[in-house]
Amino acid sequence: MKCYECAREGKDTDAVGICIACGRGVCKEHLIREETPVWEGSYPVELKPDLEHIKRILCLPCHESLKENCLFNEVC
């Protein structure tokens, strides 16, 4: 699997992980690995505290969206 973001930039980089939100393959340069709140799989998105403190992989666009959503939610 190749990194989605690198492919958009015309690069051919192997993915080292998969975004838990959108499923895109990501390389080391285009991933964020940190503790994230847990969310339900339906809409509207409901964020809950991560009681297990697991670091998860997100692509940059999904990480930005999560942080934007956290501005309106005290869970993050």
C-alpha atoms as a PDB file:
ATOM      1  CA  MET A   1       0.000   0.000   0.000  1.00  0.00           C
ATOM      2  CA  LYS A   2       1.210   3.497  -0.807  1.00  0.00           C
ATOM      3  CA  CYS A   3       0.760   6.716   1.146  1.00  0.00           C
ATOM      4  CA  TYR A   4      -2.340   8.532  -0.097  1.00  0.00           C
ATOM      5  CA  GLU A   5      -0.975  12.024   0.586  1.00  0.00           C
ATOM      6  CA  CYS A   6       2.363  11.275  -1.111  1.00  0.00           C
ATOM      7  CA  ALA A   7       0.542   9.919  -4.165  1.00  0.00           C
ATOM      8  CA  ARG A   8      -1.389  13.203  -4.384  1.00  0.00           C
ATOM      9  CA  GLU A   9       1.992  14.996  -4.385  1.00  0.00           C
ATOM     10  CA  GLY A  10       3.349  12.728  -7.151  1.00  0.00           C
ATOM     11  CA  LYS A  11       5.598  10.695  -4.814  1.00  0.00           C
ATOM     12  CA  ASP A  12       5.797   6.906  -4.508  1.00  0.00           C
ATOM     13  CA  THR A  13       6.116   6.245  -0.758  1.00  0.00           C
ATOM     14  CA  ASP A  14       5.156   3.073   1.085  1.00  0.00           C
ATOM     15  CA  ALA A  15       2.549   3.427   3.818  1.00  0.00           C
ATOM     16  CA  VAL A  16       3.533   2.458   7.356  1.00  0.00           C
ATOM     17  CA  GLY A  17       0.041   2.749   8.849  1.00  0.00           C
ATOM     18  CA  ILE A  18      -3.645   3.193   8.130  1.00  0.00           C
ATOM     19  CA  CYS A  19      -5.784   6.076   9.379  1.00  0.00           C
ATOM     20  CA  ILE A  20      -8.395   4.763  11.819  1.00  0.00           C
ATOM     21  CA  ALA A  21     -10.921   7.350  10.645  1.00  0.00           C
ATOM     22  CA  CYS A  22     -10.812   7.209   6.835  1.00  0.00           C
ATOM     23  CA  GLY A  23      -8.712   4.114   6.055  1.00  0.00           C
ATOM     24  CA  ARG A  24      -6.090   5.896   3.949  1.00  0.00           C
ATOM     25  CA  GLY A  25      -2.569   4.502   3.909  1.00  0.00           C
ATOM     26  CA  VAL A  26      -0.058   6.966   5.405  1.00  0.00           C
ATOM     27  CA  CYS A  27       3.737   7.215   5.563  1.00  0.00           C
ATOM     28  CA  LYS A  28       5.739   8.440   8.579  1.00  0.00           C
ATOM     29  CA  GLU A  29       5.640  12.006   7.269  1.00  0.00           C
ATOM     30  CA  HIS A  30       1.858  12.124   6.902  1.00  0.00           C
ATOM     31  CA  LEU A  31       0.655  10.468  10.094  1.00  0.00           C
ATOM     32  CA  ILE A  32      -0.101  11.574  13.624  1.00  0.00           C
ATOM     33  CA  ARG A  33       0.094   8.938  16.364  1.00  0.00           C
ATOM     34  CA  GLU A  34      -1.377  10.091  19.641  1.00  0.00           C
ATOM     35  CA  GLU A  35      -4.102   9.408  22.164  1.00  0.00           C
ATOM     36  CA  THR A  36      -7.421  10.382  20.661  1.00  0.00           C
ATOM     37  CA  PRO A  37     -10.931  10.443  22.039  1.00  0.00           C
ATOM     38  CA  VAL A  38     -13.150   7.514  21.166  1.00  0.00           C
ATOM     39  CA  TRP A  39     -16.088   8.214  18.878  1.00  0.00           C
ATOM     40  CA  GLU A  40     -19.211   6.348  17.945  1.00  0.00           C
ATOM     41  CA  GLY A  41     -19.519   5.103  14.357  1.00  0.00           C
ATOM     42  CA  SER A  42     -22.646   7.087  13.611  1.00  0.00           C
ATOM     43  CA  TYR A  43     -23.603  10.701  13.023  1.00  0.00           C
ATOM     44  CA  PRO A  44     -23.605  13.094  14.676  1.00  0.00           C
ATOM     45  CA  VAL A  45     -20.146  12.195  15.983  1.00  0.00           C
ATOM     46  CA  GLU A  46     -20.102  11.791  19.746  1.00  0.00           C
ATOM     47  CA  LEU A  47     -16.644  11.952  21.317  1.00  0.00           C
ATOM     48  CA  LYS A  48     -15.931  10.113  24.570  1.00  0.00           C
ATOM     49  CA  PRO A  49     -12.797  10.037  26.743  1.00  0.00           C
ATOM     50  CA  ASP A  50     -10.287   7.284  25.924  1.00  0.00           C
ATOM     51  CA  LEU A  51     -10.143   5.367  29.174  1.00  0.00           C
ATOM     52  CA  GLU A  52      -7.485   2.951  27.822  1.00  0.00           C
ATOM     53  CA  HIS A  53      -5.055   5.696  26.681  1.00  0.00           C
ATOM     54  CA  ILE A  54      -4.207   3.978  23.396  1.00  0.00           C
ATOM     55  CA  LYS A  55      -2.194   5.842  20.770  1.00  0.00           C
ATOM     56  CA  ARG A  56      -3.952   5.683  17.404  1.00  0.00           C
ATOM     57  CA  ILE A  57      -2.862   6.595  13.865  1.00  0.00           C
ATOM     58  CA  LEU A  58      -4.630   9.384  11.988  1.00  0.00           C
ATOM     59  CA  CYS A  59      -3.824  10.989   8.645  1.00  0.00           C
ATOM     60  CA  LEU A  60      -3.205  14.744   8.744  1.00  0.00           C
ATOM     61  CA  PRO A  61      -6.646  15.769   7.351  1.00  0.00           C
ATOM     62  CA  CYS A  62      -8.536  13.547   9.833  1.00  0.00           C
ATOM     63  CA  HIS A  63      -6.351  14.782  12.705  1.00  0.00           C
ATOM     64  CA  GLU A  64      -7.139  18.384  11.782  1.00  0.00           C
ATOM     65  CA  SER A  65     -10.861  17.570  11.633  1.00  0.00           C
ATOM     66  CA  LEU A  66     -10.731  15.845  15.016  1.00  0.00           C
ATOM     67  CA  LYS A  67      -8.958  18.803  16.616  1.00  0.00           C
ATOM     68  CA  GLU A  68     -11.472  21.203  15.051  1.00  0.00           C
ATOM     69  CA  ASN A  69     -14.303  19.106  16.492  1.00  0.00           C
ATOM     70  CA  CYS A  70     -12.559  19.147  19.883  1.00  0.00           C
ATOM     71  CA  LEU A  71     -12.849  22.931  20.033  1.00  0.00           C
ATOM     72  CA  PHE A  72     -16.557  22.382  20.666  1.00  0.00           C
ATOM     73  CA  ASN A  73     -16.166  19.340  22.914  1.00  0.00           C
ATOM     74  CA  GLU A  74     -14.535  19.141  26.351  1.00  0.00           C
ATOM     75  CA  VAL A  75     -13.457  15.503  25.864  1.00  0.00           C
ATOM     76  CA  CYS A  76     -10.256  16.320  23.966  1.00  0.00           C
END
